[in-house]
Amino acid sequence: MNSGYGKVYLVGSGPGDPELLTIKARKLIDNAEVIVYDQLPGEAILQSMPET
């Protein structure tokens, strides 16, 4: 039965270098329909996120 609900993942950005994200974190970010973030990710992380 499909309830129509999606999933929410919390992904830490570590020290702010996109090359230091885990493989799982990178996959989740690249495949996300929506990304909600606060002031913690560095500019390099934000720039590495896919545009919609």
PDB file of N, CA and C in Angstrom:
ATOM      1  N   MET A   1       0.841  -1.178   0.000  1.00  0.00           N
ATOM      2  CA  MET A   1       0.000   0.000   0.000  1.00  0.00           C
ATOM      3  C   MET A   1       0.887   1.243   0.000  1.00  0.00           C
ATOM      4  N   ASN A   2       0.668   2.136  -0.921  1.00  0.00           N
ATOM      5  CA  ASN A   2       1.422   3.377  -1.008  1.00  0.00           C
ATOM      6  C   ASN A   2       0.648   4.461  -0.279  1.00  0.00           C
ATOM      7  N   SER A   3       1.220   4.974   0.792  1.00  0.00           N
ATOM      8  CA  SER A   3       0.540   5.984   1.601  1.00  0.00           C
ATOM      9  C   SER A   3       0.653   7.384   1.012  1.00  0.00           C
ATOM     10  N   GLY A   4       1.502   7.566   0.002  1.00  0.00           N
ATOM     11  CA  GLY A   4       1.674   8.876  -0.598  1.00  0.00           C
ATOM     12  C   GLY A   4       2.667   9.759   0.129  1.00  0.00           C
ATOM     13  N   TYR A   5       3.254   9.238   1.191  1.00  0.00           N
ATOM     14  CA  TYR A   5       4.227  10.013   1.947  1.00  0.00           C
ATOM     15  C   TYR A   5       5.623   9.771   1.402  1.00  0.00           C
ATOM     16  N   GLY A   6       6.448  10.795   1.447  1.00  0.00           N
ATOM     17  CA  GLY A   6       7.835  10.665   1.034  1.00  0.00           C
ATOM     18  C   GLY A   6       8.716  10.329   2.218  1.00  0.00           C
ATOM     19  N   LYS A   7       9.987  10.550   2.053  1.00  0.00           N
ATOM     20  CA  LYS A   7      10.961  10.296   3.113  1.00  0.00           C
ATOM     21  C   LYS A   7      11.729  11.574   3.392  1.00  0.00           C
ATOM     22  N   VAL A   8      12.194  11.693   4.612  1.00  0.00           N
ATOM     23  CA  VAL A   8      13.024  12.819   5.020  1.00  0.00           C
ATOM     24  C   VAL A   8      14.356  12.263   5.497  1.00  0.00           C
ATOM     25  N   TYR A   9      15.433  12.817   4.987  1.00  0.00           N
ATOM     26  CA  TYR A   9      16.774  12.432   5.415  1.00  0.00           C
ATOM     27  C   TYR A   9      17.462  13.665   5.982  1.00  0.00           C
ATOM     28  N   LEU A  10      18.185  13.494   7.059  1.00  0.00           N
ATOM     29  CA  LEU A  10      19.014  14.562   7.614  1.00  0.00           C
ATOM     30  C   LEU A  10      20.452  14.249   7.233  1.00  0.00           C
ATOM     31  N   VAL A  11      21.077  15.175   6.528  1.00  0.00           N
ATOM     32  CA  VAL A  11      22.433  14.956   6.027  1.00  0.00           C
ATOM     33  C   VAL A  11      23.334  16.048   6.575  1.00  0.00           C
ATOM     34  N   GLY A  12      24.386  15.656   7.252  1.00  0.00           N
ATOM     35  CA  GLY A  12      25.357  16.624   7.751  1.00  0.00           C
ATOM     36  C   GLY A  12      26.342  16.995   6.652  1.00  0.00           C
ATOM     37  N   SER A  13      26.790  18.235   6.660  1.00  0.00           N
ATOM     38  CA  SER A  13      27.720  18.684   5.614  1.00  0.00           C
ATOM     39  C   SER A  13      29.171  18.635   6.062  1.00  0.00           C
ATOM     40  N   GLY A  14      29.418  18.104   7.246  1.00  0.00           N
ATOM     41  CA  GLY A  14      30.798  17.982   7.723  1.00  0.00           C
ATOM     42  C   GLY A  14      31.478  19.337   7.813  1.00  0.00           C
ATOM     43  N   PRO A  15      32.771  19.391   7.474  1.00  0.00           N
ATOM     44  CA  PRO A  15      33.508  20.648   7.587  1.00  0.00           C
ATOM     45  C   PRO A  15      33.241  21.633   6.451  1.00  0.00           C
ATOM     46  N   GLY A  16      32.375  21.271   5.505  1.00  0.00           N
ATOM     47  CA  GLY A  16      31.997  22.219   4.459  1.00  0.00           C
ATOM     48  C   GLY A  16      32.615  21.990   3.098  1.00  0.00           C
ATOM     49  N   ASP A  17      33.449  20.987   2.966  1.00  0.00           N
ATOM     50  CA  ASP A  17      34.081  20.681   1.685  1.00  0.00           C
ATOM     51  C   ASP A  17      33.246  19.619   0.970  1.00  0.00           C
ATOM     52  N   PRO A  18      32.719  19.903  -0.229  1.00  0.00           N
ATOM     53  CA  PRO A  18      31.882  18.930  -0.936  1.00  0.00           C
ATOM     54  C   PRO A  18      32.585  17.593  -1.188  1.00  0.00           C
ATOM     55  N   GLU A  19      33.899  17.607  -1.301  1.00  0.00           N
ATOM     56  CA  GLU A  19      34.636  16.367  -1.534  1.00  0.00           C
ATOM     57  C   GLU A  19      34.674  15.475  -0.296  1.00  0.00           C
ATOM     58  N   LEU A  20      34.302  16.023   0.867  1.00  0.00           N
ATOM     59  CA  LEU A  20      34.319  15.243   2.099  1.00  0.00           C
ATOM     60  C   LEU A  20      32.944  14.710   2.485  1.00  0.00           C
ATOM     61  N   LEU A  21      31.919  14.985   1.671  1.00  0.00           N
ATOM     62  CA  LEU A  21      30.604  14.391   1.921  1.00  0.00           C
ATOM     63  C   LEU A  21      30.706  12.883   1.733  1.00  0.00           C
ATOM     64  N   THR A  22      29.927  12.141   2.489  1.00  0.00           N
ATOM     65  CA  THR A  22      29.916  10.698   2.279  1.00  0.00           C
ATOM     66  C   THR A  22      29.260  10.399   0.929  1.00  0.00           C
ATOM     67  N   ILE A  23      29.513   9.224   0.423  1.00  0.00           N
ATOM     68  CA  ILE A  23      28.899   8.815  -0.844  1.00  0.00           C
ATOM     69  C   ILE A  23      27.381   8.821  -0.711  1.00  0.00           C
ATOM     70  N   LYS A  24      26.879   8.329   0.412  1.00  0.00           N
ATOM     71  CA  LYS A  24      25.429   8.299   0.652  1.00  0.00           C
ATOM     72  C   LYS A  24      24.861   9.719   0.687  1.00  0.00           C
ATOM     73  N   ALA A  25      25.539  10.641   1.372  1.00  0.00           N
ATOM     74  CA  ALA A  25      25.074  12.029   1.444  1.00  0.00           C
ATOM     75  C   ALA A  25      25.015  12.645   0.052  1.00  0.00           C
ATOM     76  N   ARG A  26      26.036  12.420  -0.749  1.00  0.00           N
ATOM     77  CA  ARG A  26      26.071  12.972  -2.112  1.00  0.00           C
ATOM     78  C   ARG A  26      24.914  12.433  -2.948  1.00  0.00           C
ATOM     79  N   LYS A  27      24.648  11.113  -2.838  1.00  0.00           N
ATOM     80  CA  LYS A  27      23.542  10.509  -3.590  1.00  0.00           C
ATOM     81  C   LYS A  27      22.202  11.084  -3.151  1.00  0.00           C
ATOM     82  N   LEU A  28      22.013  11.241  -1.842  1.00  0.00           N
ATOM     83  CA  LEU A  28      20.754  11.791  -1.340  1.00  0.00           C
ATOM     84  C   LEU A  28      20.549  13.223  -1.826  1.00  0.00           C
ATOM     85  N   ILE A  29      21.589  14.021  -1.777  1.00  0.00           N
ATOM     86  CA  ILE A  29      21.489  15.409  -2.234  1.00  0.00           C
ATOM     87  C   ILE A  29      21.202  15.459  -3.733  1.00  0.00           C
ATOM     88  N   ASP A  30      21.927  14.657  -4.498  1.00  0.00           N
ATOM     89  CA  ASP A  30      21.761  14.677  -5.953  1.00  0.00           C
ATOM     90  C   ASP A  30      20.383  14.200  -6.400  1.00  0.00           C
ATOM     91  N   ASN A  31      19.743  13.334  -5.607  1.00  0.00           N
ATOM     92  CA  ASN A  31      18.453  12.767  -6.004  1.00  0.00           C
ATOM     93  C   ASN A  31      17.259  13.377  -5.275  1.00  0.00           C
ATOM     94  N   ALA A  32      17.500  14.367  -4.441  1.00  0.00           N
ATOM     95  CA  ALA A  32      16.419  14.963  -3.650  1.00  0.00           C
ATOM     96  C   ALA A  32      15.484  15.795  -4.523  1.00  0.00           C
ATOM     97  N   GLU A  33      14.202  15.720  -4.221  1.00  0.00           N
ATOM     98  CA  GLU A  33      13.224  16.583  -4.880  1.00  0.00           C
ATOM     99  C   GLU A  33      13.205  17.960  -4.223  1.00  0.00           C
ATOM    100  N   VAL A  34      13.447  17.992  -2.918  1.00  0.00           N
ATOM    101  CA  VAL A  34      13.446  19.235  -2.147  1.00  0.00           C
ATOM    102  C   VAL A  34      14.623  19.190  -1.184  1.00  0.00           C
ATOM    103  N   ILE A  35      15.328  20.306  -1.062  1.00  0.00           N
ATOM    104  CA  ILE A  35      16.421  20.415  -0.094  1.00  0.00           C
ATOM    105  C   ILE A  35      16.137  21.620   0.793  1.00  0.00           C
ATOM    106  N   VAL A  36      16.103  21.376   2.083  1.00  0.00           N
ATOM    107  CA  VAL A  36      15.904  22.437   3.071  1.00  0.00           C
ATOM    108  C   VAL A  36      17.180  22.494   3.900  1.00  0.00           C
ATOM    109  N   TYR A  37      17.737  23.677   4.059  1.00  0.00           N
ATOM    110  CA  TYR A  37      18.991  23.793   4.802  1.00  0.00           C
ATOM    111  C   TYR A  37      18.987  25.055   5.648  1.00  0.00           C
ATOM    112  N   ASP A  38      19.901  25.076   6.622  1.00  0.00           N
ATOM    113  CA  ASP A  38      20.048  26.251   7.478  1.00  0.00           C
ATOM    114  C   ASP A  38      21.344  26.965   7.107  1.00  0.00           C
ATOM    115  N   GLN A  39      21.897  27.735   8.024  1.00  0.00           N
ATOM    116  CA  GLN A  39      23.095  28.516   7.724  1.00  0.00           C
ATOM    117  C   GLN A  39      24.392  27.715   7.845  1.00  0.00           C
ATOM    118  N   LEU A  40      24.321  26.450   8.249  1.00  0.00           N
ATOM    119  CA  LEU A  40      25.542  25.688   8.513  1.00  0.00           C
ATOM    120  C   LEU A  40      26.326  25.225   7.285  1.00  0.00           C
ATOM    121  N   PRO A  41      25.684  24.796   6.198  1.00  0.00           N
ATOM    122  CA  PRO A  41      26.500  24.348   5.057  1.00  0.00           C
ATOM    123  C   PRO A  41      27.315  25.512   4.494  1.00  0.00           C
ATOM    124  N   GLY A  42      28.552  25.230   4.151  1.00  0.00           N
ATOM    125  CA  GLY A  42      29.391  26.264   3.557  1.00  0.00           C
ATOM    126  C   GLY A  42      28.956  26.582   2.137  1.00  0.00           C
ATOM    127  N   GLU A  43      29.462  27.667   1.614  1.00  0.00           N
ATOM    128  CA  GLU A  43      29.120  28.101   0.259  1.00  0.00           C
ATOM    129  C   GLU A  43      29.474  27.036  -0.775  1.00  0.00           C
ATOM    130  N   ALA A  44      30.584  26.336  -0.569  1.00  0.00           N
ATOM    131  CA  ALA A  44      30.993  25.296  -1.520  1.00  0.00           C
ATOM    132  C   ALA A  44      29.971  24.163  -1.568  1.00  0.00           C
ATOM    133  N   ILE A  45      29.409  23.796  -0.425  1.00  0.00           N
ATOM    134  CA  ILE A  45      28.375  22.752  -0.390  1.00  0.00           C
ATOM    135  C   ILE A  45      27.137  23.240  -1.132  1.00  0.00           C
ATOM    136  N   LEU A  46      26.717  24.458  -0.867  1.00  0.00           N
ATOM    137  CA  LEU A  46      25.518  24.996  -1.515  1.00  0.00           C
ATOM    138  C   LEU A  46      25.699  25.064  -3.030  1.00  0.00           C
ATOM    139  N   GLN A  47      26.868  25.443  -3.480  1.00  0.00           N
ATOM    140  CA  GLN A  47      27.113  25.533  -4.918  1.00  0.00           C
ATOM    141  C   GLN A  47      27.182  24.161  -5.579  1.00  0.00           C
ATOM    142  N   SER A  48      27.465  23.119  -4.801  1.00  0.00           N
ATOM    143  CA  SER A  48      27.551  21.774  -5.374  1.00  0.00           C
ATOM    144  C   SER A  48      26.187  21.097  -5.478  1.00  0.00           C
ATOM    145  N   MET A  49      25.146  21.721  -4.904  1.00  0.00           N
ATOM    146  CA  MET A  49      23.803  21.139  -4.975  1.00  0.00           C
ATOM    147  C   MET A  49      23.245  21.307  -6.377  1.00  0.00           C
ATOM    148  N   PRO A  50      22.519  20.297  -6.851  1.00  0.00           N
ATOM    149  CA  PRO A  50      21.936  20.409  -8.195  1.00  0.00           C
ATOM    150  C   PRO A  50      20.870  21.498  -8.242  1.00  0.00           C
ATOM    151  N   GLU A  51      20.797  22.191  -9.362  1.00  0.00           N
ATOM    152  CA  GLU A  51      19.761  23.210  -9.540  1.00  0.00           C
ATOM    153  C   GLU A  51      18.493  22.541 -10.040  1.00  0.00           C
ATOM    154  N   THR A  52      17.365  23.115  -9.671  1.00  0.00           N
ATOM    155  CA  THR A  52      16.091  22.542 -10.118  1.00  0.00           C
ATOM    156  C   THR A  52      15.474  23.387 -11.194  1.00  0.00           C
TER     157      THR A  52
END
